[in-house]
Amino acid sequence: EDPLNVPITVDATALAGVEEMIVFADFNPIVKALRFEPGTARAALGFRIKLQQSSPIRPAVRTADGVWRVGGAWVTTTGGGCTLPSLGSGSPEWQERLNEVNGRLWPRIGGGERLRMRIIHPMDTGLAAGIPAFHIDDIVIADESGHTLARIQPLEPVAENPSFTLDFANVAPGTRLQVSGRDNNGNRIDAWVTR
């Protein structure tokens, strides 16, 4: 329905030892959408992307034995998502809120915590006339002691004000998680997320 916000959920929890996940949109002008290192998180990630046209969406998952496994699904859309300017960059308040993190932890059935977060960012692809590429490069989720739990590297096709959902089986209730990172212009992301 909305080529600027196409929901994607990749679940590789049936595979043991997932070390890396890369998501592609075959027919997008920028094919690679995101790289995810689950670390101690479950090998599943929910997020949204922009699609230029209907396309296969393919996750490639590398396990500890070095083997890549590829899956996919066909997604139908009206198109145009990658070449449209972001809506947020036209707002006077986006500069004040750039890289602001809104997030929360929820308890999971069976233990652990689910992290849902949104980062305020225009995520411009650079394909709209006169608007350069401006996107988040790196997001690190760490525990209170600074130990990295997971890493997300979104690229230009990830939707504006990106939202991410991921699960941590070994995070105790009441734990605070640090979300840090940067965009391709060097602007920092730094926030704490709690229940």
Protein backbone atom coordinates (compact mmCIF):
# COMPACT_ATOMS: atom_id res chain seq x y z
CA GLU A 1 0.00 0.00 0.00
CA ASP A 2 2.84 2.41 0.81
CA PRO A 3 6.12 2.01 -1.13
CA LEU A 4 7.85 4.25 1.44
CA ASN A 5 7.01 1.89 4.34
CA VAL A 6 7.05 -1.78 3.35
CA PRO A 7 7.15 -3.99 6.47
CA ILE A 8 9.73 -6.77 6.43
CA THR A 9 10.27 -9.50 9.02
CA VAL A 10 13.18 -11.88 8.64
CA ASP A 11 13.22 -14.91 10.96
CA ALA A 12 16.19 -17.28 10.84
CA THR A 13 15.71 -18.67 14.37
CA ALA A 14 15.37 -22.21 12.97
CA LEU A 15 19.09 -22.07 12.05
CA ALA A 16 21.77 -22.57 14.69
CA GLY A 17 24.71 -20.19 14.97
CA VAL A 18 23.52 -17.29 12.78
CA GLU A 19 26.31 -14.69 12.64
CA GLU A 20 25.17 -12.33 9.89
CA MET A 21 22.07 -11.46 7.91
CA ILE A 22 21.91 -9.29 4.78
CA VAL A 23 18.60 -8.21 3.22
CA PHE A 24 18.28 -7.36 -0.49
CA ALA A 25 15.51 -5.94 -2.67
CA ASP A 26 16.41 -7.33 -6.10
CA PHE A 27 14.74 -4.65 -8.25
CA ASN A 28 15.53 -1.59 -6.12
CA PRO A 29 18.04 0.91 -7.55
CA ILE A 30 19.99 0.36 -4.31
CA VAL A 31 19.76 -3.40 -3.87
CA LYS A 32 21.29 -3.95 -0.42
CA ALA A 33 18.94 -2.69 2.31
CA LEU A 34 20.40 -3.80 5.61
CA ARG A 35 23.03 -5.88 7.42
CA PHE A 36 22.29 -7.41 10.83
CA GLU A 37 24.66 -9.15 13.25
CA PRO A 38 22.38 -10.71 15.86
CA GLY A 39 25.11 -11.40 18.44
CA THR A 40 23.14 -12.45 21.53
CA ALA A 41 19.78 -11.46 20.00
CA ARG A 42 17.51 -14.00 18.36
CA ALA A 43 18.19 -14.28 14.62
CA ALA A 44 15.04 -12.35 13.71
CA LEU A 45 14.50 -8.70 12.81
CA GLY A 46 11.49 -6.59 11.89
CA PHE A 47 11.91 -3.28 10.02
CA ARG A 48 10.54 -1.31 7.04
CA ILE A 49 12.05 -0.46 3.66
CA LYS A 50 11.32 1.68 0.60
CA LEU A 51 10.59 -0.13 -2.67
CA GLN A 52 10.94 1.43 -6.10
CA GLN A 53 8.83 -1.30 -7.70
CA SER A 54 7.49 -4.77 -6.96
CA SER A 55 10.45 -6.98 -6.16
CA PRO A 56 11.71 -10.17 -4.58
CA ILE A 57 13.01 -9.45 -1.07
CA ARG A 58 15.82 -11.83 -0.13
CA PRO A 59 17.54 -12.38 3.20
CA ALA A 60 20.93 -14.07 3.05
CA VAL A 61 21.93 -15.64 6.36
CA ARG A 62 25.47 -16.78 7.24
CA THR A 63 25.89 -19.36 10.00
CA ALA A 64 29.02 -20.10 12.06
CA ASP A 65 30.05 -22.86 9.63
CA GLY A 66 30.46 -20.21 6.90
CA VAL A 67 27.46 -21.38 4.87
CA TRP A 68 25.08 -18.79 3.40
CA ARG A 69 21.40 -19.64 3.14
CA VAL A 70 19.06 -17.50 1.04
CA GLY A 71 15.28 -17.21 1.25
CA GLY A 72 12.83 -14.73 -0.11
CA ALA A 73 9.36 -13.54 -0.92
CA TRP A 74 7.78 -11.52 -3.72
CA VAL A 75 6.44 -8.14 -2.56
CA THR A 76 3.97 -6.22 -4.74
CA THR A 77 3.91 -2.43 -4.44
CA THR A 78 2.80 0.63 -6.38
CA GLY A 79 6.44 1.77 -6.52
CA GLY A 80 8.40 5.00 -6.45
CA GLY A 81 9.60 4.67 -2.85
CA CYS A 82 13.33 5.06 -3.48
CA THR A 83 13.19 8.15 -5.69
CA LEU A 84 10.82 10.22 -3.53
CA PRO A 85 12.23 12.72 -1.03
CA SER A 86 11.64 12.00 2.64
CA LEU A 87 8.65 13.66 4.25
CA GLY A 88 10.57 14.57 7.41
CA SER A 89 13.23 16.70 5.79
CA GLY A 90 10.49 19.21 4.87
CA SER A 91 9.60 19.65 8.54
CA PRO A 92 11.31 22.44 10.51
CA GLU A 93 11.57 20.20 13.58
CA TRP A 94 13.52 17.29 12.03
CA GLN A 95 16.90 18.95 12.68
CA GLU A 96 16.06 19.33 16.38
CA ARG A 97 15.02 15.70 16.66
CA LEU A 98 17.60 14.10 14.31
CA ASN A 99 18.74 10.69 15.67
CA GLU A 100 16.33 10.87 18.62
CA VAL A 101 15.55 7.32 19.78
CA ASN A 102 12.09 6.30 20.98
CA GLY A 103 12.06 2.78 22.31
CA ARG A 104 10.87 0.36 24.91
CA LEU A 105 11.51 -3.15 26.18
CA TRP A 106 8.67 -5.65 26.67
CA PRO A 107 8.81 -9.03 28.42
CA ARG A 108 8.76 -12.04 26.13
CA ILE A 109 6.78 -15.17 26.85
CA GLY A 110 9.40 -17.73 27.80
CA GLY A 111 11.86 -15.13 29.12
CA GLY A 112 13.97 -12.32 27.81
CA GLU A 113 12.98 -8.98 26.38
CA ARG A 114 11.69 -7.61 23.08
CA LEU A 115 13.19 -4.30 21.95
CA ARG A 116 11.13 -2.02 19.74
CA MET A 117 12.75 1.27 18.76
CA ARG A 118 12.37 4.08 16.26
CA ILE A 119 15.08 6.55 15.30
CA ILE A 120 14.13 9.96 13.87
CA HIS A 121 16.03 10.24 10.57
CA PRO A 122 15.02 11.12 6.97
CA MET A 123 16.93 8.16 5.44
CA ASP A 124 17.27 9.91 2.07
CA THR A 125 18.47 7.61 -0.72
CA GLY A 126 20.20 10.32 -2.78
CA LEU A 127 18.00 9.39 -5.75
CA ALA A 128 15.59 12.35 -5.43
CA ALA A 129 16.74 15.36 -7.45
CA GLY A 130 18.85 17.78 -5.41
CA ILE A 131 18.76 15.73 -2.18
CA PRO A 132 22.00 13.92 -1.26
CA ALA A 133 22.12 10.50 0.39
CA PHE A 134 21.63 10.91 4.13
CA HIS A 135 21.09 7.73 6.14
CA ILE A 136 22.01 5.90 9.32
CA ASP A 137 25.18 3.82 8.89
CA ASP A 138 25.48 1.89 12.13
CA ILE A 139 23.42 1.03 15.22
CA VAL A 140 24.91 -0.87 18.16
CA ILE A 141 22.77 -2.27 20.96
CA ALA A 142 24.77 -2.86 24.17
CA ASP A 143 24.09 -3.81 27.76
CA GLU A 144 24.78 -1.55 30.75
CA SER A 145 28.41 -2.66 30.94
CA GLY A 146 28.98 -1.70 27.28
CA HIS A 147 29.06 -5.27 25.92
CA THR A 148 27.70 -5.33 22.35
CA LEU A 149 24.56 -7.46 22.07
CA ALA A 150 23.64 -6.83 18.40
CA ARG A 151 24.50 -4.55 15.46
CA ILE A 152 22.28 -3.20 12.68
CA GLN A 153 23.71 -1.46 9.63
CA PRO A 154 20.78 0.08 7.73
CA LEU A 155 21.35 1.51 4.27
CA GLU A 156 19.49 3.99 2.06
CA PRO A 157 16.47 1.74 1.27
CA VAL A 158 15.46 1.50 4.94
CA ALA A 159 12.32 3.58 5.57
CA GLU A 160 12.33 7.09 7.00
CA ASN A 161 12.31 7.22 10.82
CA PRO A 162 13.33 3.55 10.87
CA SER A 163 11.75 1.19 13.37
CA PHE A 164 13.39 -2.05 14.44
CA THR A 165 12.06 -4.99 16.46
CA LEU A 166 14.39 -7.61 17.89
CA ASP A 167 14.34 -10.13 20.76
CA PHE A 168 16.94 -10.90 23.41
CA ALA A 169 16.42 -14.23 25.16
CA ASN A 170 19.10 -13.63 27.80
CA VAL A 171 18.30 -10.06 28.88
CA ALA A 172 16.87 -9.89 32.39
CA PRO A 173 13.76 -7.84 33.19
CA GLY A 174 14.63 -4.30 34.25
CA THR A 175 17.83 -4.18 32.22
CA ARG A 176 18.63 -0.97 30.38
CA LEU A 177 19.99 -1.23 26.85
CA GLN A 178 22.15 1.39 25.19
CA VAL A 179 21.47 2.28 21.55
CA SER A 180 24.37 4.08 19.89
CA GLY A 181 25.61 4.70 16.37
CA ARG A 182 26.01 7.30 13.64
CA ASP A 183 24.73 8.40 10.25
CA ASN A 184 26.75 8.95 7.08
CA ASN A 185 27.29 12.63 8.01
CA GLY A 186 28.84 11.72 11.36
CA ASN A 187 25.83 12.66 13.51
CA ARG A 188 25.79 10.50 16.64
CA ILE A 189 23.03 8.32 18.06
CA ASP A 190 23.10 7.78 21.82
CA ALA A 191 20.15 6.71 24.00
CA TRP A 192 19.10 4.31 26.74
CA VAL A 193 16.03 2.11 26.40
CA THR A 194 14.18 0.57 29.35
CA ARG A 195 10.83 -1.06 30.09
